[in-house]
Protein backbone atom coordinates (compact mmCIF):
# COMPACT_ATOMS: atom_id res chain seq x y z
CA UNK A 1 8.38 9.95 22.62
CA UNK A 2 10.82 9.04 25.41
CA UNK A 3 12.43 5.62 25.77
CA UNK A 4 10.32 4.98 28.87
CA UNK A 5 7.16 5.92 26.98
CA UNK A 6 8.04 3.51 24.17
CA UNK A 7 8.80 0.75 26.67
CA UNK A 8 5.39 1.25 28.25
CA UNK A 9 3.74 0.55 24.88
CA UNK A 10 5.55 -2.74 24.29
CA UNK A 11 5.64 -5.96 26.34
CA UNK A 12 8.77 -6.72 28.33
CA UNK A 13 9.68 -9.32 25.71
CA UNK A 14 10.09 -6.65 22.99
CA UNK A 15 12.89 -4.09 22.72
CA UNK A 16 12.71 -1.29 20.17
CA UNK A 17 15.98 0.16 18.85
CA UNK A 18 15.52 3.37 16.86
CA UNK A 19 18.19 4.12 14.26
CA UNK A 20 18.94 7.08 12.05
CA UNK A 21 17.59 7.20 8.51
CA UNK A 22 20.54 5.35 6.95
CA UNK A 23 19.66 2.19 8.90
CA UNK A 24 16.19 0.84 9.53
CA UNK A 25 14.95 0.45 13.10
CA UNK A 26 15.23 -2.87 14.93
CA UNK A 27 12.67 -4.75 16.98
CA UNK A 28 14.24 -7.39 19.24
CA UNK A 29 11.94 -10.14 20.54
CA UNK A 30 13.18 -12.26 23.42
CA UNK A 31 11.92 -14.77 25.96
CA UNK A 32 13.58 -17.56 27.93
CA UNK A 33 13.64 -19.83 24.86
CA UNK A 34 14.73 -17.71 21.88
CA UNK A 35 15.75 -14.29 20.59
CA UNK A 36 14.59 -12.75 17.32
CA UNK A 37 15.64 -9.62 15.42
CA UNK A 38 13.48 -7.89 12.82
CA UNK A 39 15.64 -6.05 10.23
CA UNK A 40 19.38 -5.47 10.46
CA UNK A 41 20.22 -1.96 9.21
CA UNK A 42 22.70 -0.72 6.60
CA UNK A 43 26.15 -2.20 6.00
CA UNK A 44 28.14 0.86 7.07
CA UNK A 45 26.45 0.60 10.48
CA UNK A 46 27.04 -3.16 10.82
CA UNK A 47 29.51 -2.93 13.69
CA UNK A 48 27.18 -0.62 15.58
CA UNK A 49 24.30 -3.01 14.89
CA UNK A 50 26.28 -5.91 16.39
CA UNK A 51 26.92 -3.83 19.51
CA UNK A 52 23.29 -2.71 19.83
CA UNK A 53 21.91 -6.23 19.47
CA UNK A 54 24.47 -7.66 21.89
CA UNK A 55 23.47 -4.99 24.41
CA UNK A 56 19.73 -5.61 23.89
CA UNK A 57 20.22 -9.36 24.42
CA UNK A 58 22.63 -8.86 27.33
CA UNK A 59 25.21 -11.06 25.64
CA UNK A 60 23.01 -14.04 24.79
CA UNK A 61 23.19 -15.27 21.18
CA UNK A 62 20.75 -14.18 18.49
CA UNK A 63 18.70 -17.15 17.26
CA UNK A 64 16.55 -15.78 14.43
CA UNK A 65 16.60 -12.88 11.97
CA UNK A 66 13.63 -11.73 9.88
CA UNK A 67 13.68 -9.16 7.10
CA UNK A 68 10.51 -7.25 6.29
CA UNK A 69 11.97 -6.63 2.83
CA UNK A 70 15.37 -6.67 1.20
CA UNK A 71 16.25 -3.02 0.68
CA UNK A 72 19.81 -2.41 1.79
CA UNK A 73 18.89 -0.36 4.85
CA UNK A 74 16.88 -3.31 6.23
CA UNK A 75 19.22 -6.21 5.47
CA UNK A 76 22.69 -4.66 5.16
CA UNK A 77 23.65 -6.07 8.56
CA UNK A 78 22.60 -9.64 7.73
CA UNK A 79 26.06 -10.83 6.70
CA UNK A 80 27.74 -9.43 9.82
CA UNK A 81 25.11 -11.00 12.08
CA UNK A 82 25.42 -14.35 10.32
CA UNK A 83 29.20 -14.21 10.77
CA UNK A 84 28.89 -13.43 14.49
CA UNK A 85 26.13 -15.98 15.15
CA UNK A 86 26.87 -19.09 13.01
CA UNK A 87 23.63 -20.82 14.07
CA UNK A 88 21.46 -17.81 13.19
CA UNK A 89 18.36 -18.74 11.16
CA UNK A 90 17.43 -16.05 8.62
CA UNK A 91 13.90 -15.74 7.24
CA UNK A 92 12.82 -13.67 4.24
CA UNK A 93 9.68 -13.29 2.13
CA UNK A 94 9.67 -15.47 -1.00
CA UNK A 95 9.60 -12.80 -3.72
CA UNK A 96 13.37 -12.39 -4.04
CA UNK A 97 14.54 -15.77 -2.76
CA UNK A 98 15.99 -16.79 -6.14
CA UNK A 99 17.80 -13.45 -6.44
CA UNK A 100 19.32 -13.90 -2.99
CA UNK A 101 20.43 -17.46 -3.79
CA UNK A 102 22.16 -16.36 -7.01
CA UNK A 103 23.04 -12.93 -5.58
CA UNK A 104 21.57 -10.93 -8.46
CA UNK A 105 22.35 -7.35 -7.38
CA UNK A 106 20.28 -5.86 -10.19
CA UNK A 107 17.16 -7.81 -9.19
CA UNK A 108 17.83 -7.01 -5.54
CA UNK A 109 18.08 -3.29 -6.53
CA UNK A 110 21.50 -2.73 -4.92
CA UNK A 111 22.99 -1.93 -8.32
CA UNK A 112 20.16 0.32 -9.58
CA UNK A 113 20.07 2.32 -6.32
CA UNK A 114 23.84 2.66 -6.10
CA UNK A 115 23.78 1.14 -2.61
CA UNK A 116 25.83 -1.59 -0.95
CA UNK A 117 24.81 -4.85 0.70
CA UNK A 118 27.16 -7.75 1.48
CA UNK A 119 26.01 -11.16 0.34
CA UNK A 120 23.99 -13.13 2.88
CA UNK A 121 22.10 -16.41 2.95
CA UNK A 122 18.57 -17.28 4.01
CA UNK A 123 17.31 -20.41 5.71
CA UNK A 124 13.53 -20.07 5.70
CA UNK A 125 10.71 -18.32 3.85
CA UNK A 126 7.70 -16.58 5.35
CA UNK A 127 4.64 -16.25 3.16
CA UNK A 128 1.70 -13.87 3.50
CA UNK A 129 -0.92 -15.69 5.52
CA UNK A 130 1.64 -17.47 7.71
CA UNK A 131 1.56 -17.24 11.49
CA UNK A 132 4.99 -17.26 13.12
CA UNK A 133 5.71 -18.08 16.75
CA UNK A 134 8.45 -15.63 17.70
CA UNK A 135 9.78 -15.53 21.26
CA UNK A 136 6.51 -16.87 22.65
CA UNK A 137 4.14 -14.60 20.66
CA UNK A 138 2.18 -15.36 17.52
CA UNK A 139 2.72 -12.93 14.63
CA UNK A 140 0.72 -12.70 11.41
CA UNK A 141 2.53 -12.19 8.11
CA UNK A 142 0.76 -9.84 5.67
CA UNK A 143 1.73 -8.78 2.14
CA UNK A 144 2.47 -5.04 1.97
CA UNK A 145 3.08 -4.04 -1.66
CA UNK A 146 3.78 -0.47 -2.68
CA UNK A 147 7.13 0.72 -1.37
CA UNK A 148 8.50 -2.67 -2.40
CA UNK A 149 6.38 -5.27 -4.20
CA UNK A 150 7.77 -8.08 -2.02
CA UNK A 151 7.52 -6.36 1.36
CA UNK A 152 5.61 -7.78 4.31
CA UNK A 153 4.36 -6.36 7.58
CA UNK A 154 4.04 -8.29 10.85
CA UNK A 155 1.07 -8.01 13.19
CA UNK A 156 0.82 -9.27 16.76
CA UNK A 157 -2.95 -9.44 17.45
CA UNK A 158 -2.88 -9.96 21.23
CA UNK A 159 -1.08 -6.66 21.79
CA UNK A 160 -2.25 -5.07 18.50
CA UNK A 161 1.34 -4.24 17.53
CA UNK A 162 2.21 -3.71 13.87
CA UNK A 163 5.74 -3.81 12.49
CA UNK A 164 5.04 -1.63 9.47
CA UNK A 165 8.53 -1.44 7.91
CA UNK A 166 8.33 1.29 5.23
CA UNK A 167 4.63 0.80 4.47
CA UNK A 168 3.60 3.39 7.06
CA UNK A 169 5.59 5.92 9.05
CA UNK A 170 4.23 8.53 11.41
CA UNK A 171 4.47 11.02 8.53
CA UNK A 172 4.25 9.13 5.29
CA UNK A 173 5.82 6.03 3.76
CA UNK A 174 8.89 4.99 1.81
CA UNK A 175 9.67 5.83 -1.81
CA UNK A 176 7.44 3.82 -4.15
CA UNK A 177 10.19 1.96 -6.00
CA UNK A 178 7.96 0.21 -8.60
CA UNK A 179 6.99 3.67 -9.89
CA UNK A 180 10.67 4.40 -10.60
CA UNK A 181 10.71 1.38 -12.90
CA UNK A 182 7.54 2.51 -14.67
CA UNK A 183 5.28 0.01 -12.90
CA UNK A 184 2.21 0.72 -10.80
CA UNK A 185 3.14 1.03 -7.14
CA UNK A 186 0.66 3.64 -5.96
CA UNK A 187 -2.24 1.16 -5.98
CA UNK A 188 -0.14 -1.15 -3.80
CA UNK A 189 0.37 1.68 -1.30
CA UNK A 190 -3.40 2.24 -1.18
CA UNK A 191 -4.07 -1.48 -0.65
CA UNK A 192 -1.51 -1.66 2.15
CA UNK A 193 -2.90 1.41 3.91
CA UNK A 194 -6.37 -0.20 3.73
CA UNK A 195 -4.92 -3.41 5.20
CA UNK A 196 -3.37 -1.51 8.11
CA UNK A 197 -6.66 0.22 8.79
CA UNK A 198 -8.44 -3.17 8.89
CA UNK A 199 -5.84 -4.61 11.26
CA UNK A 200 -6.48 -1.65 13.58
CA UNK A 201 -3.14 -1.68 15.40
CA UNK A 202 -2.77 0.04 18.75
CA UNK A 203 0.98 0.55 18.36
CA UNK A 204 3.01 0.89 15.14
CA UNK A 205 6.73 0.09 15.02
CA UNK A 206 7.90 1.73 11.76
CA UNK A 207 11.01 1.03 9.75
CA UNK A 208 12.16 4.62 10.29
CA UNK A 209 11.23 7.17 12.90
CA UNK A 210 9.60 6.76 16.28
CA UNK A 211 7.04 4.26 17.52
CA UNK A 212 3.58 5.85 17.37
CA UNK A 213 0.00 5.27 18.45
CA UNK A 214 -1.96 7.86 16.42
CA UNK A 215 -2.57 5.39 13.64
CA UNK A 216 -5.62 7.14 12.18
CA UNK A 217 -3.66 10.38 11.91
CA UNK A 218 -0.73 8.61 10.25
CA UNK A 219 -3.06 6.90 7.77
CA UNK A 220 -4.71 10.20 6.91
CA UNK A 221 -1.34 11.87 6.29
CA UNK A 222 -0.14 8.91 4.22
CA UNK A 223 -3.28 8.95 2.06
CA UNK A 224 -2.94 12.68 1.52
CA UNK A 225 0.67 12.19 0.44
CA UNK A 226 -0.32 9.33 -1.86
CA UNK A 227 -3.02 11.46 -3.49
CA UNK A 228 -0.50 14.23 -4.18
CA UNK A 229 1.85 11.74 -5.86
CA UNK A 230 -0.96 10.23 -7.93
CA UNK A 231 -2.03 13.68 -9.08
CA UNK A 232 1.53 14.72 -9.95
CA UNK A 233 3.84 11.71 -10.52
CA UNK A 234 6.73 14.09 -11.23
CA UNK A 235 6.50 15.17 -7.58
CA UNK A 236 7.18 11.59 -6.52
CA UNK A 237 10.01 11.35 -9.06
CA UNK A 238 11.70 14.44 -7.62
CA UNK A 239 11.18 13.13 -4.09
CA UNK A 240 12.62 9.71 -5.02
CA UNK A 241 15.72 11.26 -6.59
CA UNK A 242 16.40 13.38 -3.51
CA UNK A 243 15.90 10.36 -1.23
CA UNK A 244 18.47 8.37 -3.25
CA UNK A 245 20.91 11.28 -3.05
CA UNK A 246 20.32 11.95 0.64
CA UNK A 247 20.77 8.26 1.45
CA UNK A 248 24.20 8.24 -0.21
CA UNK A 249 25.10 11.52 1.47
CA UNK A 250 24.25 9.97 4.83
CA UNK A 251 26.63 7.16 3.94
CA UNK A 252 29.42 9.39 2.55
CA UNK A 253 28.89 12.38 4.90
CA UNK A 254 30.61 14.55 2.29
CA UNK A 255 31.25 14.14 -1.43
CA UNK A 256 32.93 16.16 -4.16
CA UNK A 257 31.26 17.11 -7.42
CA UNK A 258 33.55 14.67 -9.24
CA UNK A 259 32.71 11.76 -6.92
CA UNK A 260 29.01 12.55 -7.12
CA UNK A 261 29.22 12.59 -10.91
CA UNK A 262 30.87 9.16 -10.99
CA UNK A 263 28.25 7.69 -8.67
CA UNK A 264 25.45 9.27 -10.71
CA UNK A 265 26.72 7.52 -13.84
CA UNK A 266 26.24 4.14 -12.19
CA UNK A 267 22.90 4.77 -10.47
CA UNK A 268 20.34 3.37 -12.90
CA UNK A 269 17.32 4.57 -10.93
CA UNK A 270 18.48 8.19 -11.13
CA UNK A 271 18.86 7.84 -14.89
CA UNK A 272 15.41 6.28 -15.25
CA UNK A 273 13.82 9.11 -13.26
CA UNK A 274 15.69 11.68 -15.32
CA UNK A 275 14.76 10.13 -18.66
CA UNK A 276 11.08 9.71 -17.80
CA UNK A 277 10.41 13.02 -16.08
CA UNK A 278 13.21 15.50 -16.85
CA UNK A 279 14.63 14.50 -20.27
CA UNK A 280 15.19 18.09 -21.42
CA UNK A 281 17.67 18.75 -18.59
CA UNK A 282 21.27 17.60 -18.54
CA UNK A 283 21.41 14.75 -16.03
CA UNK A 284 24.24 16.28 -14.02
CA UNK A 285 22.54 19.69 -13.95
CA UNK A 286 19.38 17.98 -12.72
CA UNK A 287 21.26 16.09 -9.99
CA UNK A 288 22.89 19.33 -8.86
CA UNK A 289 19.47 20.97 -8.73
CA UNK A 290 18.26 18.12 -6.52
CA UNK A 291 21.29 18.67 -4.28
CA UNK A 292 20.53 22.39 -4.08
CA UNK A 293 16.97 21.48 -3.07
CA UNK A 294 18.41 19.35 -0.25
CA UNK A 295 20.50 22.33 0.85
CA UNK A 296 17.46 24.59 0.80
CA UNK A 297 15.55 22.03 2.88
CA UNK A 298 18.35 21.94 5.45
CA UNK A 299 19.30 18.33 4.62
CA UNK A 300 22.71 19.21 3.15
CA UNK A 301 25.09 22.11 2.80
CA UNK A 302 27.62 23.33 0.24
CA UNK A 303 31.25 23.68 1.30
CA UNK A 304 33.40 24.74 -1.65
CA UNK A 305 33.41 21.84 -4.09
CA UNK A 306 31.84 19.47 -1.58
CA UNK A 307 28.29 18.54 -0.65
CA UNK A 308 28.09 17.91 3.09
CA UNK A 309 25.45 16.00 5.03
CA UNK A 310 23.39 17.86 7.62
């Protein structure tokens, strides 16, 4: 979908900024009274995020920042934005508020995923059931468990616009992180897909990928994917491991076997997936098999002793 086509789907007071897969997309809301940003991207893209938001706002300050959830690709730019805009008010869902206040990187999953996120503060909480007035429009806050148990989605009923974060993409949804920890996350995905169907959005602004309007098609594909994971949980485990590896490869761009081995030792989620689903394989052999799968899929390549992003 072209930029002009996307603009035609959104009111003039909304600007969509599509990012690559390392950083989540942004939705900038703006009227004559305030400016609001939904999600801030990954830390290694923070400088680019500052430039993109400054351009979208034509130099005016950013007043409010909302995070749909606190995975590092959605809030990694928070600290940089708070430093640039000292009066910025940051709003998060309540589930991890205590962890943010004490900066518990294990609870926030930055340690277990082997990802980075600079410490940030929050000023307000948004609870499921709340209605928020953002740049002149009323937005509903809805719980969206599954990908992350504390995630929310935002729905603007007048324009039937859904900010779906990682609960629904045009072709699927985000890794179901509770399942990595041995908890039920698949039922949360199903509940959230049912919620989205009931909301009946006209336009979906996803956390990754393009804005889309074929919501029924996206829901059907997501439910088919969910059913395949429920039937074969090891399929989701393999997918989750490759997503963790691809995410780091996007960040590194290239990595040696030795560096990959060191990172693997500290990535608790990879070890939990290995122990639960592939305990008979050596962990490093299994990680290398996942990397070879990424190469076969065209998502990486091998260059001597290095794995290279593609």
